[in-house]
Amino acid sequence: MANDKDTKRAEFASFVAEHQASLRSFLRVIGVSQDSVDDLAQETFLVAFRELDHFDKDEDFGKWLRGIARNLTRNELRKNARRARILDQKLTDHLLSEAEKDCSRKEYEEVDYRALRDCLEHLPEKSRKLIAGRYADEWKSSFLADQFNMTATAVRLALMRIRRQLKICVESKYPNA
């Protein structure tokens, strides 16, 4: 029986590795504040792990995850927490309804990730390290500032410029995306 649990965990770890970036992107697209994206992504994966036995393996795992994330985001909208995770309730309501209309939008397809990887490879080394530190290693701006001998504000501005560069690069490779 332990082998079944190990197999389930290994399979799930593979799903997490494959879908974590797109899930975080989806959460941002539907209006979750940057500070709460990681929390809601983690909650989504926890729910998915608990409900994994109910997942139909013939279905799209990413679409299933996005459904869980939409439900968790709706729950956040219902909460009257002091520090809301949602940027703007009306905007997020609208973005959620749009996301429901078409969960298979081009922005969630693998082609965008190939373009993004290609664009990342063409960045200067320091830019790649900043992006990797922030998004792969999940380091905060203050930590990155210490690592790169910059101020936290300079790190945030650099990341903003790098993201803009990446966006332009991806859009130039896939103009209809």
C-alpha atoms as a PDB file:
ATOM      1  CA  MET A   1       0.000   0.000   0.000  1.00  0.00           C
ATOM      2  CA  ALA A   2       2.905   2.370   0.706  1.00  0.00           C
ATOM      3  CA  ASN A   3       3.953   1.952  -2.923  1.00  0.00           C
ATOM      4  CA  ASP A   4       0.574   3.344  -4.095  1.00  0.00           C
ATOM      5  CA  LYS A   5       1.090   6.415  -1.886  1.00  0.00           C
ATOM      6  CA  ASP A   6       4.619   6.882  -3.216  1.00  0.00           C
ATOM      7  CA  THR A   7       3.377   6.573  -6.798  1.00  0.00           C
ATOM      8  CA  LYS A   8       0.574   9.075  -6.122  1.00  0.00           C
ATOM      9  CA  ARG A   9       3.013  11.546  -4.564  1.00  0.00           C
ATOM     10  CA  ALA A  10       5.511  11.202  -7.421  1.00  0.00           C
ATOM     11  CA  GLU A  11       2.762  11.672 -10.004  1.00  0.00           C
ATOM     12  CA  PHE A  12       1.447  14.704  -8.161  1.00  0.00           C
ATOM     13  CA  ALA A  13       4.937  16.206  -7.820  1.00  0.00           C
ATOM     14  CA  SER A  14       5.252  15.916 -11.593  1.00  0.00           C
ATOM     15  CA  PHE A  15       1.905  17.713 -12.042  1.00  0.00           C
ATOM     16  CA  VAL A  16       2.996  20.490  -9.683  1.00  0.00           C
ATOM     17  CA  ALA A  17       6.294  20.992 -11.511  1.00  0.00           C
ATOM     18  CA  GLU A  18       4.507  21.070 -14.861  1.00  0.00           C
ATOM     19  CA  HIS A  19       1.658  23.399 -13.892  1.00  0.00           C
ATOM     20  CA  GLN A  20       2.910  25.716 -11.152  1.00  0.00           C
ATOM     21  CA  ALA A  21       3.990  28.562 -13.445  1.00  0.00           C
ATOM     22  CA  SER A  22       0.793  28.543 -15.495  1.00  0.00           C
ATOM     23  CA  LEU A  23      -1.346  28.345 -12.337  1.00  0.00           C
ATOM     24  CA  ARG A  24       0.417  31.365 -10.856  1.00  0.00           C
ATOM     25  CA  SER A  25      -0.054  33.226 -14.141  1.00  0.00           C
ATOM     26  CA  PHE A  26      -3.736  32.315 -14.186  1.00  0.00           C
ATOM     27  CA  LEU A  27      -4.193  33.586 -10.637  1.00  0.00           C
ATOM     28  CA  ARG A  28      -2.644  36.931 -11.612  1.00  0.00           C
ATOM     29  CA  VAL A  29      -4.836  37.100 -14.726  1.00  0.00           C
ATOM     30  CA  ILE A  30      -8.013  36.706 -12.657  1.00  0.00           C
ATOM     31  CA  GLY A  31      -7.008  39.505 -10.296  1.00  0.00           C
ATOM     32  CA  VAL A  32      -5.281  37.919  -7.308  1.00  0.00           C
ATOM     33  CA  SER A  33      -2.784  40.330  -5.775  1.00  0.00           C
ATOM     34  CA  GLN A  34       0.883  39.516  -6.339  1.00  0.00           C
ATOM     35  CA  ASP A  35       1.433  39.067  -2.597  1.00  0.00           C
ATOM     36  CA  SER A  36      -1.206  36.322  -2.433  1.00  0.00           C
ATOM     37  CA  VAL A  37      -0.581  34.398  -5.654  1.00  0.00           C
ATOM     38  CA  ASP A  38       1.775  31.910  -4.008  1.00  0.00           C
ATOM     39  CA  ASP A  39      -0.630  31.318  -1.111  1.00  0.00           C
ATOM     40  CA  LEU A  40      -3.582  30.644  -3.391  1.00  0.00           C
ATOM     41  CA  ALA A  41      -1.470  28.481  -5.697  1.00  0.00           C
ATOM     42  CA  GLN A  42      -0.363  26.410  -2.710  1.00  0.00           C
ATOM     43  CA  GLU A  43      -3.970  26.123  -1.495  1.00  0.00           C
ATOM     44  CA  THR A  44      -4.991  25.030  -4.989  1.00  0.00           C
ATOM     45  CA  PHE A  45      -2.363  22.297  -5.044  1.00  0.00           C
ATOM     46  CA  LEU A  46      -3.355  21.150  -1.548  1.00  0.00           C
ATOM     47  CA  VAL A  47      -6.999  20.836  -2.589  1.00  0.00           C
ATOM     48  CA  ALA A  48      -5.952  19.081  -5.794  1.00  0.00           C
ATOM     49  CA  PHE A  49      -3.827  16.606  -3.845  1.00  0.00           C
ATOM     50  CA  ARG A  50      -6.687  15.818  -1.455  1.00  0.00           C
ATOM     51  CA  GLU A  51      -9.081  15.398  -4.384  1.00  0.00           C
ATOM     52  CA  LEU A  52      -6.653  13.637  -6.727  1.00  0.00           C
ATOM     53  CA  ASP A  53      -8.635  10.396  -6.524  1.00  0.00           C
ATOM     54  CA  HIS A  54     -11.581  12.275  -8.086  1.00  0.00           C
ATOM     55  CA  PHE A  55      -9.531  13.601 -11.016  1.00  0.00           C
ATOM     56  CA  ASP A  56     -10.243  11.903 -14.356  1.00  0.00           C
ATOM     57  CA  LYS A  57      -6.804  11.186 -15.841  1.00  0.00           C
ATOM     58  CA  ASP A  58      -8.255  11.584 -19.345  1.00  0.00           C
ATOM     59  CA  GLU A  59      -9.041  15.230 -18.571  1.00  0.00           C
ATOM     60  CA  ASP A  60      -6.735  18.253 -18.697  1.00  0.00           C
ATOM     61  CA  PHE A  61      -5.020  18.605 -15.301  1.00  0.00           C
ATOM     62  CA  GLY A  62      -4.292  22.310 -15.860  1.00  0.00           C
ATOM     63  CA  LYS A  63      -7.948  23.049 -16.578  1.00  0.00           C
ATOM     64  CA  TRP A  64      -8.935  21.124 -13.426  1.00  0.00           C
ATOM     65  CA  LEU A  65      -6.426  23.153 -11.382  1.00  0.00           C
ATOM     66  CA  ARG A  66      -7.732  26.414 -12.811  1.00  0.00           C
ATOM     67  CA  GLY A  67     -11.253  25.372 -11.789  1.00  0.00           C
ATOM     68  CA  ILE A  68     -10.071  24.784  -8.231  1.00  0.00           C
ATOM     69  CA  ALA A  69      -8.230  28.127  -8.288  1.00  0.00           C
ATOM     70  CA  ARG A  70     -11.372  29.910  -9.543  1.00  0.00           C
ATOM     71  CA  ASN A  71     -13.396  28.400  -6.693  1.00  0.00           C
ATOM     72  CA  LEU A  72     -10.793  29.380  -4.099  1.00  0.00           C
ATOM     73  CA  THR A  73     -10.700  32.902  -5.545  1.00  0.00           C
ATOM     74  CA  ARG A  74     -14.483  33.113  -5.314  1.00  0.00           C
ATOM     75  CA  ASN A  75     -14.187  32.062  -1.670  1.00  0.00           C
ATOM     76  CA  GLU A  76     -11.729  34.915  -1.159  1.00  0.00           C
ATOM     77  CA  LEU A  77     -14.241  37.316  -2.686  1.00  0.00           C
ATOM     78  CA  ARG A  78     -16.799  36.175  -0.125  1.00  0.00           C
ATOM     79  CA  LYS A  79     -14.496  36.707   2.810  1.00  0.00           C
ATOM     80  CA  ASN A  80     -14.465  40.071   4.457  1.00  0.00           C
ATOM     81  CA  ALA A  81     -10.881  39.755   5.552  1.00  0.00           C
ATOM     82  CA  ARG A  82      -9.058  42.870   6.664  1.00  0.00           C
ATOM     83  CA  ARG A  83      -6.283  42.299   4.146  1.00  0.00           C
ATOM     84  CA  ALA A  84      -7.987  41.214   0.961  1.00  0.00           C
ATOM     85  CA  ARG A  85      -6.063  39.062  -1.480  1.00  0.00           C
ATOM     86  CA  ILE A  86      -8.140  40.336  -4.370  1.00  0.00           C
ATOM     87  CA  LEU A  87      -7.092  43.572  -6.061  1.00  0.00           C
ATOM     88  CA  ASP A  88     -10.593  44.760  -6.909  1.00  0.00           C
ATOM     89  CA  GLN A  89     -13.764  42.737  -6.376  1.00  0.00           C
ATOM     90  CA  LYS A  90     -15.651  43.953  -9.472  1.00  0.00           C
ATOM     91  CA  LEU A  91     -12.625  43.503 -11.695  1.00  0.00           C
ATOM     92  CA  THR A  92     -11.960  40.017 -10.344  1.00  0.00           C
ATOM     93  CA  ASP A  93     -15.641  39.063 -10.769  1.00  0.00           C
ATOM     94  CA  HIS A  94     -15.390  40.141 -14.399  1.00  0.00           C
ATOM     95  CA  LEU A  95     -12.073  38.359 -14.984  1.00  0.00           C
ATOM     96  CA  LEU A  96     -13.412  35.170 -13.379  1.00  0.00           C
ATOM     97  CA  SER A  97     -16.431  35.162 -15.670  1.00  0.00           C
ATOM     98  CA  GLU A  98     -14.176  35.737 -18.680  1.00  0.00           C
ATOM     99  CA  ALA A  99     -11.882  32.917 -17.554  1.00  0.00           C
ATOM    100  CA  GLU A 100     -14.874  30.596 -17.295  1.00  0.00           C
ATOM    101  CA  LYS A 101     -15.919  31.369 -20.846  1.00  0.00           C
ATOM    102  CA  ASP A 102     -12.656  30.118 -22.264  1.00  0.00           C
ATOM    103  CA  CYS A 103     -10.272  28.236 -19.977  1.00  0.00           C
ATOM    104  CA  SER A 104      -8.271  26.973 -22.928  1.00  0.00           C
ATOM    105  CA  ARG A 105      -7.114  30.400 -24.031  1.00  0.00           C
ATOM    106  CA  LYS A 106      -3.886  30.586 -25.963  1.00  0.00           C
ATOM    107  CA  GLU A 107      -2.032  32.236 -23.056  1.00  0.00           C
ATOM    108  CA  TYR A 108      -2.166  28.962 -21.113  1.00  0.00           C
ATOM    109  CA  GLU A 109      -0.805  26.792 -23.886  1.00  0.00           C
ATOM    110  CA  GLU A 110       2.695  25.365 -24.002  1.00  0.00           C
ATOM    111  CA  VAL A 111       3.682  27.442 -27.028  1.00  0.00           C
ATOM    112  CA  ASP A 112       3.892  30.559 -24.851  1.00  0.00           C
ATOM    113  CA  TYR A 113       6.203  28.808 -22.427  1.00  0.00           C
ATOM    114  CA  ARG A 114       8.521  27.754 -25.234  1.00  0.00           C
ATOM    115  CA  ALA A 115       8.656  31.359 -26.407  1.00  0.00           C
ATOM    116  CA  LEU A 116       9.229  32.563 -22.855  1.00  0.00           C
ATOM    117  CA  ARG A 117      12.078  30.074 -22.330  1.00  0.00           C
ATOM    118  CA  ASP A 118      13.650  31.197 -25.615  1.00  0.00           C
ATOM    119  CA  CYS A 119      13.324  34.855 -24.615  1.00  0.00           C
ATOM    120  CA  LEU A 120      14.780  34.124 -21.172  1.00  0.00           C
ATOM    121  CA  GLU A 121      17.822  32.517 -22.784  1.00  0.00           C
ATOM    122  CA  HIS A 122      18.546  35.743 -24.669  1.00  0.00           C
ATOM    123  CA  LEU A 123      18.514  37.947 -21.574  1.00  0.00           C
ATOM    124  CA  PRO A 124      21.796  39.152 -20.083  1.00  0.00           C
ATOM    125  CA  GLU A 125      23.081  36.884 -17.322  1.00  0.00           C
ATOM    126  CA  LYS A 126      22.263  39.313 -14.495  1.00  0.00           C
ATOM    127  CA  SER A 127      18.681  39.659 -15.748  1.00  0.00           C
ATOM    128  CA  ARG A 128      18.280  35.874 -15.927  1.00  0.00           C
ATOM    129  CA  LYS A 129      19.625  35.568 -12.390  1.00  0.00           C
ATOM    130  CA  LEU A 130      17.233  38.242 -11.099  1.00  0.00           C
ATOM    131  CA  ILE A 131      14.263  36.525 -12.764  1.00  0.00           C
ATOM    132  CA  ALA A 132      15.344  33.098 -11.501  1.00  0.00           C
ATOM    133  CA  GLY A 133      15.910  34.440  -7.995  1.00  0.00           C
ATOM    134  CA  ARG A 134      12.506  36.093  -7.846  1.00  0.00           C
ATOM    135  CA  TYR A 135      10.316  33.527  -9.606  1.00  0.00           C
ATOM    136  CA  ALA A 136      12.115  30.175  -9.389  1.00  0.00           C
ATOM    137  CA  ASP A 137      13.698  30.615  -5.964  1.00  0.00           C
ATOM    138  CA  GLU A 138      10.888  32.925  -4.771  1.00  0.00           C
ATOM    139  CA  TRP A 139      13.269  35.375  -3.133  1.00  0.00           C
ATOM    140  CA  LYS A 140      11.901  38.749  -2.047  1.00  0.00           C
ATOM    141  CA  SER A 141      13.235  42.017  -3.452  1.00  0.00           C
ATOM    142  CA  SER A 142      15.113  42.798  -0.249  1.00  0.00           C
ATOM    143  CA  PHE A 143      17.000  39.493  -0.381  1.00  0.00           C
ATOM    144  CA  LEU A 144      17.787  39.949  -4.085  1.00  0.00           C
ATOM    145  CA  ALA A 145      18.970  43.478  -3.337  1.00  0.00           C
ATOM    146  CA  ASP A 146      21.551  42.094  -0.912  1.00  0.00           C
ATOM    147  CA  GLN A 147      22.641  39.429  -3.393  1.00  0.00           C
ATOM    148  CA  PHE A 148      23.076  41.861  -6.292  1.00  0.00           C
ATOM    149  CA  ASN A 149      24.305  44.895  -4.337  1.00  0.00           C
ATOM    150  CA  MET A 150      21.217  46.885  -5.303  1.00  0.00           C
ATOM    151  CA  THR A 151      18.391  48.554  -3.423  1.00  0.00           C
ATOM    152  CA  ALA A 152      15.075  46.727  -3.147  1.00  0.00           C
ATOM    153  CA  THR A 153      13.479  49.472  -5.239  1.00  0.00           C
ATOM    154  CA  ALA A 154      16.127  49.049  -7.940  1.00  0.00           C
ATOM    155  CA  VAL A 155      15.454  45.293  -7.954  1.00  0.00           C
ATOM    156  CA  ARG A 156      11.704  45.849  -8.374  1.00  0.00           C
ATOM    157  CA  LEU A 157      12.302  48.337 -11.196  1.00  0.00           C
ATOM    158  CA  ALA A 158      14.758  45.986 -12.892  1.00  0.00           C
ATOM    159  CA  LEU A 159      12.264  43.123 -12.645  1.00  0.00           C
ATOM    160  CA  MET A 160       9.542  45.338 -14.096  1.00  0.00           C
ATOM    161  CA  ARG A 161      11.781  46.243 -17.048  1.00  0.00           C
ATOM    162  CA  ILE A 162      12.810  42.617 -17.572  1.00  0.00           C
ATOM    163  CA  ARG A 163       9.169  41.479 -17.521  1.00  0.00           C
ATOM    164  CA  ARG A 164       8.366  44.175 -20.084  1.00  0.00           C
ATOM    165  CA  GLN A 165      11.268  42.955 -22.268  1.00  0.00           C
ATOM    166  CA  LEU A 166      10.041  39.373 -21.973  1.00  0.00           C
ATOM    167  CA  LYS A 167       6.489  40.378 -22.862  1.00  0.00           C
ATOM    168  CA  ILE A 168       7.655  42.202 -25.983  1.00  0.00           C
ATOM    169  CA  CYS A 169       9.892  39.281 -26.927  1.00  0.00           C
ATOM    170  CA  VAL A 170       7.131  36.665 -26.504  1.00  0.00           C
ATOM    171  CA  GLU A 171       4.628  38.814 -28.394  1.00  0.00           C
ATOM    172  CA  SER A 172       7.087  39.249 -31.259  1.00  0.00           C
ATOM    173  CA  LYS A 173       7.525  35.475 -31.530  1.00  0.00           C
ATOM    174  CA  TYR A 174       3.779  34.779 -31.308  1.00  0.00           C
ATOM    175  CA  PRO A 175       1.962  37.962 -32.382  1.00  0.00           C
ATOM    176  CA  ASN A 176      -1.486  36.322 -32.275  1.00  0.00           C
ATOM    177  CA  ALA A 177      -1.030  34.900 -28.777  1.00  0.00           C
END
